[in-house]
């Protein structure tokens, strides 16, 4: 089984975690923004088909 040769420094670990959290925060903000624009009906990047198919 492969094991790391040396311990990863605490700084490097925190940098990686911060980068991951920043990326997740950005994606959640984009999702929230898209949801708000869909709710208001101002979305240009999301197409919602409102046609009634139960005829």
N, C-alpha and C. Protein backbone atom coordinates (compact mmCIF):
# COMPACT_ATOMS: atom_id res chain seq x y z
N UNK A 1 0.84 -1.18 0.00
CA UNK A 1 0.00 0.00 0.00
C UNK A 1 0.88 1.24 0.00
N UNK A 2 0.53 2.22 -0.78
CA UNK A 2 1.32 3.44 -0.89
C UNK A 2 1.07 4.35 0.30
N UNK A 3 2.16 4.86 0.85
CA UNK A 3 2.06 5.80 1.97
C UNK A 3 2.94 7.01 1.66
N UNK A 4 2.56 8.19 2.15
CA UNK A 4 3.40 9.36 1.91
C UNK A 4 4.73 9.25 2.65
N UNK A 5 5.79 9.77 2.05
CA UNK A 5 7.11 9.68 2.66
C UNK A 5 7.27 10.64 3.82
N UNK A 6 6.65 11.82 3.70
CA UNK A 6 6.78 12.81 4.76
C UNK A 6 5.40 13.36 5.09
N UNK A 7 5.28 13.88 6.28
CA UNK A 7 4.02 14.45 6.73
C UNK A 7 3.75 15.76 5.99
N UNK A 8 2.50 15.97 5.59
CA UNK A 8 2.11 17.21 4.95
C UNK A 8 2.01 18.31 6.00
N UNK A 9 2.58 19.45 5.70
CA UNK A 9 2.59 20.53 6.69
C UNK A 9 1.18 21.05 6.95
N UNK A 10 0.99 21.59 8.11
CA UNK A 10 -0.31 22.12 8.50
C UNK A 10 -0.73 23.27 7.57
N UNK A 11 0.24 24.08 7.16
CA UNK A 11 -0.04 25.20 6.26
C UNK A 11 -0.59 24.70 4.92
N UNK A 12 0.07 23.70 4.37
CA UNK A 12 -0.36 23.14 3.08
C UNK A 12 -1.76 22.54 3.20
N UNK A 13 -2.02 21.85 4.31
CA UNK A 13 -3.33 21.24 4.52
C UNK A 13 -4.41 22.32 4.62
N UNK A 14 -4.12 23.38 5.38
CA UNK A 14 -5.10 24.47 5.53
C UNK A 14 -5.32 25.21 4.21
N UNK A 15 -4.26 25.37 3.41
CA UNK A 15 -4.42 26.01 2.10
C UNK A 15 -5.35 25.21 1.20
N UNK A 16 -5.16 23.91 1.18
CA UNK A 16 -6.00 23.05 0.34
C UNK A 16 -7.45 23.08 0.80
N UNK A 17 -7.65 23.04 2.11
CA UNK A 17 -9.00 23.07 2.65
C UNK A 17 -9.67 24.41 2.35
N UNK A 18 -8.92 25.51 2.49
CA UNK A 18 -9.46 26.84 2.21
C UNK A 18 -9.83 26.98 0.74
N UNK A 19 -9.00 26.43 -0.13
CA UNK A 19 -9.29 26.48 -1.56
C UNK A 19 -10.58 25.71 -1.87
N UNK A 20 -10.73 24.54 -1.26
CA UNK A 20 -11.92 23.72 -1.47
C UNK A 20 -13.17 24.45 -0.96
N UNK A 21 -13.05 25.09 0.22
CA UNK A 21 -14.18 25.82 0.78
C UNK A 21 -14.55 27.03 -0.06
N UNK A 22 -13.53 27.73 -0.59
CA UNK A 22 -13.79 28.88 -1.47
C UNK A 22 -14.54 28.45 -2.71
N UNK A 23 -14.12 27.33 -3.30
CA UNK A 23 -14.77 26.81 -4.50
C UNK A 23 -16.22 26.43 -4.20
N UNK A 24 -16.44 25.76 -3.07
CA UNK A 24 -17.80 25.36 -2.69
C UNK A 24 -18.67 26.58 -2.42
N UNK A 25 -18.10 27.61 -1.79
CA UNK A 25 -18.85 28.83 -1.50
C UNK A 25 -19.25 29.54 -2.79
N UNK A 26 -18.33 29.59 -3.75
CA UNK A 26 -18.63 30.23 -5.03
C UNK A 26 -19.75 29.49 -5.76
N UNK A 27 -19.70 28.16 -5.76
CA UNK A 27 -20.73 27.38 -6.44
C UNK A 27 -22.09 27.54 -5.76
N UNK A 28 -22.09 27.63 -4.43
CA UNK A 28 -23.37 27.81 -3.72
C UNK A 28 -23.95 29.18 -4.01
N UNK A 29 -23.09 30.21 -4.12
CA UNK A 29 -23.58 31.55 -4.45
C UNK A 29 -24.17 31.59 -5.86
N UNK A 30 -23.52 30.90 -6.80
CA UNK A 30 -24.04 30.84 -8.17
C UNK A 30 -25.39 30.12 -8.21
N UNK A 31 -25.50 29.03 -7.47
CA UNK A 31 -26.75 28.27 -7.44
C UNK A 31 -27.86 29.12 -6.82
N UNK A 32 -27.55 29.82 -5.73
CA UNK A 32 -28.54 30.68 -5.08
C UNK A 32 -28.98 31.80 -6.02
N UNK A 33 -28.02 32.40 -6.73
CA UNK A 33 -28.33 33.48 -7.66
C UNK A 33 -29.23 32.98 -8.79
N UNK A 34 -28.92 31.79 -9.32
CA UNK A 34 -29.74 31.23 -10.38
C UNK A 34 -31.15 30.93 -9.87
N UNK A 35 -31.24 30.39 -8.66
CA UNK A 35 -32.56 30.11 -8.08
C UNK A 35 -33.38 31.36 -7.89
N UNK A 36 -32.74 32.45 -7.43
CA UNK A 36 -33.45 33.72 -7.25
C UNK A 36 -33.94 34.27 -8.59
N UNK A 37 -33.07 34.20 -9.61
CA UNK A 37 -33.47 34.74 -10.91
C UNK A 37 -34.57 33.90 -11.55
N UNK A 38 -34.56 32.59 -11.32
CA UNK A 38 -35.64 31.74 -11.84
C UNK A 38 -36.95 32.07 -11.12
N UNK A 39 -36.87 32.27 -9.82
CA UNK A 39 -38.08 32.59 -9.05
C UNK A 39 -38.68 33.92 -9.48
N UNK A 40 -37.83 34.88 -9.83
CA UNK A 40 -38.32 36.19 -10.26
C UNK A 40 -38.68 36.22 -11.74
N UNK A 41 -38.24 35.21 -12.48
CA UNK A 41 -38.52 35.15 -13.91
C UNK A 41 -37.56 35.96 -14.75
N UNK A 42 -36.38 36.26 -14.21
CA UNK A 42 -35.39 37.07 -14.92
C UNK A 42 -34.23 36.26 -15.47
N UNK A 43 -34.33 34.95 -15.46
CA UNK A 43 -33.21 34.11 -15.85
C UNK A 43 -33.01 34.09 -17.35
N UNK A 44 -31.75 34.27 -17.78
CA UNK A 44 -31.40 34.17 -19.20
C UNK A 44 -30.67 32.88 -19.50
N UNK A 45 -30.11 32.23 -18.47
CA UNK A 45 -29.28 31.05 -18.67
C UNK A 45 -30.01 29.75 -18.35
N UNK A 46 -31.27 29.83 -17.96
CA UNK A 46 -32.02 28.63 -17.58
C UNK A 46 -33.35 28.66 -18.31
N UNK A 47 -33.65 27.59 -19.03
CA UNK A 47 -34.89 27.53 -19.81
C UNK A 47 -35.84 26.56 -19.11
N UNK A 48 -37.02 27.05 -18.78
CA UNK A 48 -38.03 26.24 -18.10
C UNK A 48 -39.24 26.14 -19.01
N UNK A 49 -39.63 24.91 -19.33
CA UNK A 49 -40.76 24.67 -20.22
C UNK A 49 -42.03 24.67 -19.38
N UNK A 50 -42.89 25.66 -19.57
CA UNK A 50 -44.13 25.79 -18.79
C UNK A 50 -45.34 25.28 -19.57
N UNK A 51 -45.15 24.65 -20.70
CA UNK A 51 -46.30 24.19 -21.47
C UNK A 51 -47.01 23.05 -20.76
N UNK A 52 -48.32 23.05 -20.84
CA UNK A 52 -49.15 22.04 -20.18
C UNK A 52 -49.23 20.82 -21.09
N UNK A 53 -48.77 19.67 -20.63
CA UNK A 53 -48.75 18.46 -21.46
C UNK A 53 -49.85 17.49 -21.09
N UNK A 54 -50.82 17.89 -20.28
CA UNK A 54 -51.88 16.99 -19.85
C UNK A 54 -53.16 17.15 -20.69
N UNK A 55 -53.05 17.53 -21.94
CA UNK A 55 -54.22 17.71 -22.80
C UNK A 55 -54.74 16.41 -23.27
